[in-house]
Structure formats: structure tokens, C-alpha cells
Amino acid sequence: MLRLVMVAAALVWWAVSAEAAVRTKVVEYKQGDTVLEGYLAWDDARIGKRPGVLVVHEWTGLGPYAKKRAEMLAKLGYVAFAADIYGKGVRPATPAEAAKVAAIYKDDRSLMRARARAGLEVLKGQNQVDPKRLAAIGYCFGGTTVLELARDGADLRGVASFHGGLATPTPGDAVNIKARVLALHGADDPFVKADEVAAFQQELRAAKVDWQFISYANAVHSFTNPDAGNDNSKGAAYNEKADKRSWEAMKLFFSEIFKQGR
């Protein structure tokens, strides 16, 4: 009996230790002359090289939400780096400010791609990361960004876009995509309309990309973020079912793309 109690106690201690093993740090880096400030998360209880996942933030810039997702990925055993597309200290405080800053990159996809690549290089350079097993995920603005990173020919196993914009000014660049693509979409998203979805799917189909597209019923824009509220009529709202289902879809996607030898 005593032995069983000791074993149980040891298991509890191990579980608590494993939870506490996730480490984070702020990483300052550059793209050109611009100083950027990202957020690295990893589990230091794990040994050896492991897959790395780039995380790209929403239109409000790198903040608590993207950092939380990086930590969640670390708990799954990945090294996650939440990149900074806007620059150190550039964190829009209102929707109007966010729209203005995001437009800089939406109107200059080369700059958007360069900022994403800078973040990917930081991730790739981490000692714990297997540089041959990399992926990228993004939310809203970040979803658009990781798709552009893929179109730029980045050496990624996969990209997952959560309620991201799908349109691009250069659809022909899809021929450069090396990654498998997973698009996770709110079926009622008023900001990404049916014609944009159709054009995106045709773009990938024409380029013979390995892609998946999943639509979630009753979900609008920002469906993974609780801070979006719960009023679908505003066009952006949290949907718990879609949030959980899309995360599970991403996990399954990663289990496929990160198999050794693939």
C-alpha cells in the first residue's frame, strides 16, 4: 500500500514538474534595420532536437494571445517562436490603429514575407530545433502572413492558418509552396467571403499543393480568441467548439507532417 502511495506521489510530482518545465524568454532580433522582439517557448524537460513552430500574431501585434499559443505548443513538445512582424514596441491599442499598421504589410507582401522569414530564422537557429522539421501557424493577420511565407518558398513542412485572410496579390507564387497547407475557417466569416475562399482553393489546386480546408459552422472571424466576445453579428466572435476543433485539427496535421523521414 505504501509503495502505491509513493508511486502515486511520484506521478503527481512528475506531472507538476512537467507542467513547470515550459520555459519562455523574450528574443530581440532584426530584419534589416528594424528591431523586432519575439517570444520563445520550449519544454526544457525534453532532450534532443524537436520540431519548431513559428507563431504569427493577429493585427494587434505580438501580445498575450500569441504568447499563450506558443506556450501551448511548447507543452505539446514543440519549440515555438512567436514572431514580431510590426517591430519592437509597435503594439496597436485600438482597432483603427491595428487596421492602419496591418495595412502596411498587406499592401507590401514582400515586407510581410521578409519579417516572417526573419522570425523563422530565429526559430531555426535554436539549439533544440530540428531545422528540417519546421511549421508555421498564424491567427487572422498572422494566418495571412504564414500563407505568404509559404508562397515565398520557405522550407516548411506545413502551415496552418486560423481564420486568416486568404487572398494574395500574387496567386501565381503558389507554385513555390513546399509546405502542406491547412486552412481553418469560420463558415460565417464576413471578412473572408465565399469568392475569396474559392479563389484560394483554386490557387492551391492549380499549383498542385497538398492542402486541406476546414470550415466551422456558426463561426465568424477570430473564432479562436475569447477576447473577441460572443456576438457573431459583429463579424468577429469566439466560438468554443470551433476553437477546440481547430486546435485538434492542427495537432493531427502536425503529427502527420512531422513524422521522421517525411
C-alpha atoms as a PDB file:
ATOM      1  CA  MET A   1       0.000   0.000   0.000  1.00  0.00           C
ATOM      2  CA  LEU A   2       2.798   2.374   0.960  1.00  0.00           C
ATOM      3  CA  ARG A   3       4.516   1.613  -2.310  1.00  0.00           C
ATOM      4  CA  LEU A   4       1.378   2.503  -4.285  1.00  0.00           C
ATOM      5  CA  VAL A   5       1.092   5.781  -2.412  1.00  0.00           C
ATOM      6  CA  MET A   6       4.734   6.571  -3.164  1.00  0.00           C
ATOM      7  CA  VAL A   7       4.246   5.748  -6.846  1.00  0.00           C
ATOM      8  CA  ALA A   8       1.154   7.928  -6.993  1.00  0.00           C
ATOM      9  CA  ALA A   9       3.009  10.775  -5.303  1.00  0.00           C
ATOM     10  CA  ALA A  10       5.880  10.408  -7.737  1.00  0.00           C
ATOM     11  CA  LEU A  11       3.476  10.581 -10.685  1.00  0.00           C
ATOM     12  CA  VAL A  12       1.884  13.729  -9.303  1.00  0.00           C
ATOM     13  CA  TRP A  13       5.322  15.285  -8.799  1.00  0.00           C
ATOM     14  CA  TRP A  14       6.294  14.334 -12.344  1.00  0.00           C
ATOM     15  CA  ALA A  15       3.129  15.874 -13.760  1.00  0.00           C
ATOM     16  CA  VAL A  16       3.674  19.110 -11.827  1.00  0.00           C
ATOM     17  CA  SER A  17       7.340  19.192 -12.859  1.00  0.00           C
ATOM     18  CA  ALA A  18       6.456  18.588 -16.493  1.00  0.00           C
ATOM     19  CA  GLU A  19       3.980  21.480 -16.353  1.00  0.00           C
ATOM     20  CA  ALA A  20       6.614  23.731 -14.832  1.00  0.00           C
ATOM     21  CA  ALA A  21       9.220  22.675 -17.381  1.00  0.00           C
ATOM     22  CA  VAL A  22       7.937  25.086 -20.037  1.00  0.00           C
ATOM     23  CA  ARG A  23      10.371  27.975 -20.268  1.00  0.00           C
ATOM     24  CA  THR A  24       9.982  31.276 -22.095  1.00  0.00           C
ATOM     25  CA  LYS A  25      12.135  34.225 -22.992  1.00  0.00           C
ATOM     26  CA  VAL A  26      11.965  37.426 -24.975  1.00  0.00           C
ATOM     27  CA  VAL A  27      14.246  37.429 -28.020  1.00  0.00           C
ATOM     28  CA  GLU A  28      15.383  40.624 -29.701  1.00  0.00           C
ATOM     29  CA  TYR A  29      16.351  40.291 -33.363  1.00  0.00           C
ATOM     30  CA  LYS A  30      16.381  42.302 -36.574  1.00  0.00           C
ATOM     31  CA  GLN A  31      15.021  42.393 -40.091  1.00  0.00           C
ATOM     32  CA  GLY A  32      17.126  44.854 -41.992  1.00  0.00           C
ATOM     33  CA  ASP A  33      17.487  47.880 -39.712  1.00  0.00           C
ATOM     34  CA  THR A  34      14.250  47.216 -37.826  1.00  0.00           C
ATOM     35  CA  VAL A  35      14.482  45.841 -34.305  1.00  0.00           C
ATOM     36  CA  LEU A  36      11.940  43.115 -33.571  1.00  0.00           C
ATOM     37  CA  GLU A  37      11.030  41.450 -30.288  1.00  0.00           C
ATOM     38  CA  GLY A  38       9.718  37.892 -30.319  1.00  0.00           C
ATOM     39  CA  TYR A  39       8.820  35.309 -27.683  1.00  0.00           C
ATOM     40  CA  LEU A  40      10.345  31.840 -27.440  1.00  0.00           C
ATOM     41  CA  ALA A  41       8.731  28.921 -25.577  1.00  0.00           C
ATOM     42  CA  TRP A  42      10.086  25.416 -25.038  1.00  0.00           C
ATOM     43  CA  ASP A  43       9.955  22.496 -22.609  1.00  0.00           C
ATOM     44  CA  ASP A  44      13.365  22.079 -21.016  1.00  0.00           C
ATOM     45  CA  ALA A  45      12.435  18.676 -19.582  1.00  0.00           C
ATOM     46  CA  ARG A  46      12.704  17.265 -23.102  1.00  0.00           C
ATOM     47  CA  ILE A  47      16.016  16.347 -24.613  1.00  0.00           C
ATOM     48  CA  GLY A  48      17.182  16.188 -28.205  1.00  0.00           C
ATOM     49  CA  LYS A  49      16.104  18.006 -31.314  1.00  0.00           C
ATOM     50  CA  ARG A  50      12.401  18.552 -31.873  1.00  0.00           C
ATOM     51  CA  PRO A  51      10.145  20.280 -34.419  1.00  0.00           C
ATOM     52  CA  GLY A  52       9.896  24.057 -34.364  1.00  0.00           C
ATOM     53  CA  VAL A  53       6.720  26.063 -34.908  1.00  0.00           C
ATOM     54  CA  LEU A  54       6.593  29.726 -35.854  1.00  0.00           C
ATOM     55  CA  VAL A  55       3.563  31.597 -34.462  1.00  0.00           C
ATOM     56  CA  VAL A  56       2.388  34.838 -36.083  1.00  0.00           C
ATOM     57  CA  HIS A  57       0.154  37.255 -34.212  1.00  0.00           C
ATOM     58  CA  GLU A  58      -3.136  38.965 -35.020  1.00  0.00           C
ATOM     59  CA  TRP A  59      -3.418  42.542 -36.302  1.00  0.00           C
ATOM     60  CA  THR A  60      -2.879  43.971 -32.808  1.00  0.00           C
ATOM     61  CA  GLY A  61       0.731  42.777 -32.847  1.00  0.00           C
ATOM     62  CA  LEU A  62       2.577  40.347 -30.631  1.00  0.00           C
ATOM     63  CA  GLY A  63       0.774  40.141 -27.310  1.00  0.00           C
ATOM     64  CA  PRO A  64      -0.608  37.747 -24.683  1.00  0.00           C
ATOM     65  CA  TYR A  65      -2.709  35.721 -27.110  1.00  0.00           C
ATOM     66  CA  ALA A  66       0.095  34.678 -29.481  1.00  0.00           C
ATOM     67  CA  LYS A  67       2.381  34.105 -26.495  1.00  0.00           C
ATOM     68  CA  LYS A  68      -0.212  31.804 -24.918  1.00  0.00           C
ATOM     69  CA  ARG A  69      -0.402  29.779 -28.120  1.00  0.00           C
ATOM     70  CA  ALA A  70       3.399  29.493 -28.175  1.00  0.00           C
ATOM     71  CA  GLU A  71       3.317  28.138 -24.626  1.00  0.00           C
ATOM     72  CA  MET A  72       0.586  25.659 -25.570  1.00  0.00           C
ATOM     73  CA  LEU A  73       2.766  24.396 -28.408  1.00  0.00           C
ATOM     74  CA  ALA A  74       5.716  24.057 -26.026  1.00  0.00           C
ATOM     75  CA  LYS A  75       3.572  21.874 -23.773  1.00  0.00           C
ATOM     76  CA  LEU A  76       2.931  19.634 -26.780  1.00  0.00           C
ATOM     77  CA  GLY A  77       6.678  19.149 -27.167  1.00  0.00           C
ATOM     78  CA  TYR A  78       7.495  21.712 -29.854  1.00  0.00           C
ATOM     79  CA  VAL A  79       9.804  24.692 -29.705  1.00  0.00           C
ATOM     80  CA  ALA A  80       7.608  27.679 -30.534  1.00  0.00           C
ATOM     81  CA  PHE A  81       8.661  31.173 -31.515  1.00  0.00           C
ATOM     82  CA  ALA A  82       6.051  33.924 -31.594  1.00  0.00           C
ATOM     83  CA  ALA A  83       7.435  36.310 -34.175  1.00  0.00           C
ATOM     84  CA  ASP A  84       7.100  40.088 -34.227  1.00  0.00           C
ATOM     85  CA  ILE A  85       6.037  41.371 -37.627  1.00  0.00           C
ATOM     86  CA  TYR A  86       5.482  45.023 -36.651  1.00  0.00           C
ATOM     87  CA  GLY A  87       8.660  45.873 -34.739  1.00  0.00           C
ATOM     88  CA  LYS A  88       9.661  46.301 -31.110  1.00  0.00           C
ATOM     89  CA  GLY A  89       7.140  48.414 -29.217  1.00  0.00           C
ATOM     90  CA  VAL A  90       4.673  48.641 -32.115  1.00  0.00           C
ATOM     91  CA  ARG A  91       1.514  47.303 -30.481  1.00  0.00           C
ATOM     92  CA  PRO A  92      -1.682  48.979 -31.764  1.00  0.00           C
ATOM     93  CA  ALA A  93      -4.121  49.758 -28.946  1.00  0.00           C
ATOM     94  CA  THR A  94      -7.322  50.240 -30.958  1.00  0.00           C
ATOM     95  CA  PRO A  95      -8.924  48.552 -33.984  1.00  0.00           C
ATOM     96  CA  ALA A  96      -8.324  51.711 -36.025  1.00  0.00           C
ATOM     97  CA  GLU A  97      -4.623  51.699 -35.170  1.00  0.00           C
ATOM     98  CA  ALA A  98      -4.398  47.960 -35.840  1.00  0.00           C
ATOM     99  CA  ALA A  99      -6.023  48.345 -39.244  1.00  0.00           C
ATOM    100  CA  LYS A 100      -3.572  51.111 -40.151  1.00  0.00           C
ATOM    101  CA  VAL A 101      -0.484  49.136 -39.142  1.00  0.00           C
ATOM    102  CA  ALA A 102      -1.690  45.848 -40.651  1.00  0.00           C
ATOM    103  CA  ALA A 103      -2.353  47.649 -43.954  1.00  0.00           C
ATOM    104  CA  ILE A 104       1.361  48.446 -44.275  1.00  0.00           C
ATOM    105  CA  TYR A 105       2.109  44.747 -44.626  1.00  0.00           C
ATOM    106  CA  LYS A 106      -0.997  43.779 -46.545  1.00  0.00           C
ATOM    107  CA  ASP A 107      -0.003  46.384 -49.126  1.00  0.00           C
ATOM    108  CA  ASP A 108       3.639  45.273 -49.124  1.00  0.00           C
ATOM    109  CA  ARG A 109       3.723  41.480 -49.204  1.00  0.00           C
ATOM    110  CA  SER A 110       7.482  41.457 -49.767  1.00  0.00           C
ATOM    111  CA  LEU A 111       7.945  43.199 -46.412  1.00  0.00           C
ATOM    112  CA  MET A 112       5.445  40.863 -44.757  1.00  0.00           C
ATOM    113  CA  ARG A 113       7.357  37.865 -46.079  1.00  0.00           C
ATOM    114  CA  ALA A 114      10.711  39.304 -45.028  1.00  0.00           C
ATOM    115  CA  ARG A 115       9.510  39.863 -41.454  1.00  0.00           C
ATOM    116  CA  ALA A 116       8.131  36.326 -41.297  1.00  0.00           C
ATOM    117  CA  ARG A 117      11.371  34.884 -42.667  1.00  0.00           C
ATOM    118  CA  ALA A 118      13.360  36.783 -40.035  1.00  0.00           C
ATOM    119  CA  GLY A 119      11.299  35.107 -37.345  1.00  0.00           C
ATOM    120  CA  LEU A 120      11.704  31.723 -38.985  1.00  0.00           C
ATOM    121  CA  GLU A 121      15.488  32.143 -38.974  1.00  0.00           C
ATOM    122  CA  VAL A 122      15.428  32.817 -35.234  1.00  0.00           C
ATOM    123  CA  LEU A 123      13.395  29.656 -34.673  1.00  0.00           C
ATOM    124  CA  LYS A 124      15.613  27.610 -36.964  1.00  0.00           C
ATOM    125  CA  GLY A 125      18.703  28.746 -35.084  1.00  0.00           C
ATOM    126  CA  GLN A 126      17.588  27.424 -31.692  1.00  0.00           C
ATOM    127  CA  ASN A 127      19.724  24.556 -30.392  1.00  0.00           C
ATOM    128  CA  GLN A 128      16.689  22.433 -29.540  1.00  0.00           C
ATOM    129  CA  VAL A 129      15.131  22.715 -33.002  1.00  0.00           C
ATOM    130  CA  ASP A 130      15.390  20.197 -35.809  1.00  0.00           C
ATOM    131  CA  PRO A 131      15.788  22.589 -38.771  1.00  0.00           C
ATOM    132  CA  LYS A 132      14.334  20.011 -41.136  1.00  0.00           C
ATOM    133  CA  ARG A 133      11.045  19.882 -39.233  1.00  0.00           C
ATOM    134  CA  LEU A 134       9.535  23.348 -39.197  1.00  0.00           C
ATOM    135  CA  ALA A 135       5.986  24.654 -39.443  1.00  0.00           C
ATOM    136  CA  ALA A 136       4.183  27.966 -39.065  1.00  0.00           C
ATOM    137  CA  ILE A 137       0.775  28.913 -37.712  1.00  0.00           C
ATOM    138  CA  GLY A 138      -0.957  32.271 -37.637  1.00  0.00           C
ATOM    139  CA  TYR A 139      -4.146  33.943 -36.476  1.00  0.00           C
ATOM    140  CA  CYS A 140      -6.146  36.464 -38.544  1.00  0.00           C
ATOM    141  CA  PHE A 141      -3.402  38.784 -39.869  1.00  0.00           C
ATOM    142  CA  GLY A 142      -0.954  36.058 -38.867  1.00  0.00           C
ATOM    143  CA  GLY A 143      -2.854  33.499 -40.919  1.00  0.00           C
ATOM    144  CA  THR A 144      -2.398  35.687 -43.969  1.00  0.00           C
ATOM    145  CA  THR A 145       1.277  36.067 -43.095  1.00  0.00           C
ATOM    146  CA  VAL A 146       2.095  32.367 -42.816  1.00  0.00           C
ATOM    147  CA  LEU A 147       0.379  31.715 -46.141  1.00  0.00           C
ATOM    148  CA  GLU A 148       2.565  34.410 -47.711  1.00  0.00           C
ATOM    149  CA  LEU A 149       5.607  32.808 -46.088  1.00  0.00           C
ATOM    150  CA  ALA A 150       4.654  29.529 -47.750  1.00  0.00           C
ATOM    151  CA  ARG A 151       4.122  31.268 -51.106  1.00  0.00           C
ATOM    152  CA  ASP A 152       7.625  32.679 -50.709  1.00  0.00           C
ATOM    153  CA  GLY A 153       9.017  29.148 -50.837  1.00  0.00           C
ATOM    154  CA  ALA A 154      10.021  28.841 -47.170  1.00  0.00           C
ATOM    155  CA  ASP A 155      11.347  25.423 -46.237  1.00  0.00           C
ATOM    156  CA  LEU A 156       8.423  24.375 -44.054  1.00  0.00           C
ATOM    157  CA  ARG A 157       6.720  21.033 -43.530  1.00  0.00           C
ATOM    158  CA  GLY A 158       3.377  22.745 -43.075  1.00  0.00           C
ATOM    159  CA  VAL A 159       1.458  25.958 -42.420  1.00  0.00           C
ATOM    160  CA  ALA A 160      -1.842  26.347 -40.584  1.00  0.00           C
ATOM    161  CA  SER A 161      -3.920  29.493 -40.946  1.00  0.00           C
ATOM    162  CA  PHE A 162      -6.567  30.138 -38.278  1.00  0.00           C
ATOM    163  CA  HIS A 163      -9.308  32.492 -39.543  1.00  0.00           C
ATOM    164  CA  GLY A 164      -6.735  34.218 -41.732  1.00  0.00           C
ATOM    165  CA  GLY A 165      -7.190  36.266 -44.865  1.00  0.00           C
ATOM    166  CA  LEU A 166      -6.678  34.021 -47.886  1.00  0.00           C
ATOM    167  CA  ALA A 167      -6.269  36.463 -50.759  1.00  0.00           C
ATOM    168  CA  THR A 168      -2.911  37.408 -52.234  1.00  0.00           C
ATOM    169  CA  PRO A 169      -1.877  39.841 -54.983  1.00  0.00           C
ATOM    170  CA  THR A 170       0.407  37.143 -56.442  1.00  0.00           C
ATOM    171  CA  PRO A 171      -1.528  33.851 -56.609  1.00  0.00           C
ATOM    172  CA  GLY A 172       0.980  32.535 -59.121  1.00  0.00           C
ATOM    173  CA  ASP A 173       3.508  32.318 -56.296  1.00  0.00           C
ATOM    174  CA  ALA A 174       1.686  29.259 -55.023  1.00  0.00           C
ATOM    175  CA  VAL A 175       3.972  27.207 -57.269  1.00  0.00           C
ATOM    176  CA  ASN A 176       6.739  27.993 -54.765  1.00  0.00           C
ATOM    177  CA  ILE A 177       4.904  26.360 -51.862  1.00  0.00           C
ATOM    178  CA  LYS A 178       6.824  23.447 -50.331  1.00  0.00           C
ATOM    179  CA  ALA A 179       4.609  23.095 -47.272  1.00  0.00           C
ATOM    180  CA  ARG A 180       1.371  21.269 -46.798  1.00  0.00           C
ATOM    181  CA  VAL A 181      -1.387  23.775 -46.106  1.00  0.00           C
ATOM    182  CA  LEU A 182      -4.174  23.675 -43.536  1.00  0.00           C
ATOM    183  CA  ALA A 183      -6.739  26.489 -43.593  1.00  0.00           C
ATOM    184  CA  LEU A 184      -9.120  26.654 -40.621  1.00  0.00           C
ATOM    185  CA  HIS A 185     -12.037  28.921 -41.447  1.00  0.00           C
ATOM    186  CA  GLY A 186     -15.197  30.274 -39.882  1.00  0.00           C
ATOM    187  CA  ALA A 187     -18.034  29.289 -42.214  1.00  0.00           C
ATOM    188  CA  ASP A 188     -19.849  32.567 -41.464  1.00  0.00           C
ATOM    189  CA  ASP A 189     -16.769  34.842 -41.556  1.00  0.00           C
ATOM    190  CA  PRO A 190     -17.979  38.084 -43.195  1.00  0.00           C
ATOM    191  CA  PHE A 191     -14.432  39.307 -43.794  1.00  0.00           C
ATOM    192  CA  VAL A 192     -13.354  36.293 -45.879  1.00  0.00           C
ATOM    193  CA  LYS A 193     -16.141  35.775 -48.335  1.00  0.00           C
ATOM    194  CA  ALA A 194     -17.018  32.784 -50.496  1.00  0.00           C
ATOM    195  CA  ASP A 195     -15.328  34.158 -53.616  1.00  0.00           C
ATOM    196  CA  GLU A 196     -12.060  34.605 -51.694  1.00  0.00           C
ATOM    197  CA  VAL A 197     -12.307  31.044 -50.410  1.00  0.00           C
ATOM    198  CA  ALA A 198     -12.977  29.718 -53.911  1.00  0.00           C
ATOM    199  CA  ALA A 199     -10.057  31.670 -55.392  1.00  0.00           C
ATOM    200  CA  PHE A 200      -7.734  30.406 -52.661  1.00  0.00           C
ATOM    201  CA  GLN A 201      -8.694  26.809 -53.237  1.00  0.00           C
ATOM    202  CA  GLN A 202      -8.274  27.176 -56.987  1.00  0.00           C
ATOM    203  CA  GLU A 203      -4.868  28.820 -56.453  1.00  0.00           C
ATOM    204  CA  LEU A 204      -3.632  25.829 -54.456  1.00  0.00           C
ATOM    205  CA  ARG A 205      -5.276  23.323 -56.750  1.00  0.00           C
ATOM    206  CA  ALA A 206      -3.628  24.849 -59.833  1.00  0.00           C
ATOM    207  CA  ALA A 207      -0.224  24.746 -58.099  1.00  0.00           C
ATOM    208  CA  LYS A 208      -0.776  21.115 -57.030  1.00  0.00           C
ATOM    209  CA  VAL A 209      -0.307  21.947 -53.362  1.00  0.00           C
ATOM    210  CA  ASP A 210      -1.232  19.383 -50.701  1.00  0.00           C
ATOM    211  CA  TRP A 211      -3.975  21.327 -48.913  1.00  0.00           C
ATOM    212  CA  GLN A 212      -6.876  20.955 -46.519  1.00  0.00           C
ATOM    213  CA  PHE A 213      -9.667  23.439 -45.887  1.00  0.00           C
ATOM    214  CA  ILE A 214     -11.963  23.092 -42.880  1.00  0.00           C
ATOM    215  CA  SER A 215     -14.988  25.314 -42.261  1.00  0.00           C
ATOM    216  CA  TYR A 216     -16.607  25.539 -38.841  1.00  0.00           C
ATOM    217  CA  ALA A 217     -20.354  26.052 -38.567  1.00  0.00           C
ATOM    218  CA  ASN A 218     -21.656  29.172 -36.810  1.00  0.00           C
ATOM    219  CA  ALA A 219     -18.102  30.554 -36.573  1.00  0.00           C
ATOM    220  CA  VAL A 220     -17.086  34.028 -37.710  1.00  0.00           C
ATOM    221  CA  HIS A 221     -13.736  35.830 -37.697  1.00  0.00           C
ATOM    222  CA  SER A 222     -11.427  35.450 -34.653  1.00  0.00           C
ATOM    223  CA  PHE A 223     -13.270  32.312 -33.525  1.00  0.00           C
ATOM    224  CA  THR A 224     -10.279  31.050 -31.506  1.00  0.00           C
ATOM    225  CA  ASN A 225      -9.861  34.157 -29.340  1.00  0.00           C
ATOM    226  CA  PRO A 226     -12.028  34.560 -26.198  1.00  0.00           C
ATOM    227  CA  ASP A 227     -11.255  38.284 -26.200  1.00  0.00           C
ATOM    228  CA  ALA A 228     -13.339  38.615 -29.374  1.00  0.00           C
ATOM    229  CA  GLY A 229     -16.554  38.325 -27.338  1.00  0.00           C
ATOM    230  CA  ASN A 230     -19.559  36.209 -28.273  1.00  0.00           C
ATOM    231  CA  ASP A 231     -21.637  38.374 -30.604  1.00  0.00           C
ATOM    232  CA  ASN A 232     -21.456  36.904 -34.121  1.00  0.00           C
ATOM    233  CA  SER A 233     -23.274  39.928 -35.520  1.00  0.00           C
ATOM    234  CA  LYS A 234     -20.097  41.967 -35.034  1.00  0.00           C
ATOM    235  CA  GLY A 235     -18.286  39.730 -37.511  1.00  0.00           C
ATOM    236  CA  ALA A 236     -15.648  38.616 -35.010  1.00  0.00           C
ATOM    237  CA  ALA A 237     -16.509  36.424 -32.026  1.00  0.00           C
ATOM    238  CA  TYR A 238     -15.233  33.491 -30.016  1.00  0.00           C
ATOM    239  CA  ASN A 239     -16.621  30.018 -30.714  1.00  0.00           C
ATOM    240  CA  GLU A 240     -15.508  27.413 -28.190  1.00  0.00           C
ATOM    241  CA  LYS A 241     -16.327  24.407 -30.363  1.00  0.00           C
ATOM    242  CA  ALA A 242     -14.515  25.807 -33.375  1.00  0.00           C
ATOM    243  CA  ASP A 243     -11.555  26.807 -31.209  1.00  0.00           C
ATOM    244  CA  LYS A 244     -11.143  23.316 -29.766  1.00  0.00           C
ATOM    245  CA  ARG A 245     -11.824  21.530 -33.034  1.00  0.00           C
ATOM    246  CA  SER A 246      -9.355  23.659 -34.981  1.00  0.00           C
ATOM    247  CA  TRP A 247      -6.617  23.089 -32.386  1.00  0.00           C
ATOM    248  CA  GLU A 248      -7.200  19.333 -32.592  1.00  0.00           C
ATOM    249  CA  ALA A 249      -7.077  19.555 -36.399  1.00  0.00           C
ATOM    250  CA  MET A 250      -3.731  21.336 -36.136  1.00  0.00           C
ATOM    251  CA  LYS A 251      -2.390  18.672 -33.764  1.00  0.00           C
ATOM    252  CA  LEU A 252      -3.386  15.912 -36.180  1.00  0.00           C
ATOM    253  CA  PHE A 253      -1.829  17.858 -39.053  1.00  0.00           C
ATOM    254  CA  PHE A 254       1.432  18.192 -37.122  1.00  0.00           C
ATOM    255  CA  SER A 255       1.507  14.507 -36.234  1.00  0.00           C
ATOM    256  CA  GLU A 256       1.394  13.808 -39.965  1.00  0.00           C
ATOM    257  CA  ILE A 257       3.891  16.364 -41.259  1.00  0.00           C
ATOM    258  CA  PHE A 258       6.461  15.880 -38.529  1.00  0.00           C
ATOM    259  CA  LYS A 259       6.901  12.151 -38.971  1.00  0.00           C
ATOM    260  CA  GLN A 260      10.590  11.359 -39.266  1.00  0.00           C
ATOM    261  CA  GLY A 261      11.756  10.838 -42.804  1.00  0.00           C
ATOM    262  CA  ARG A 262       8.923  12.784 -44.423  1.00  0.00           C
END
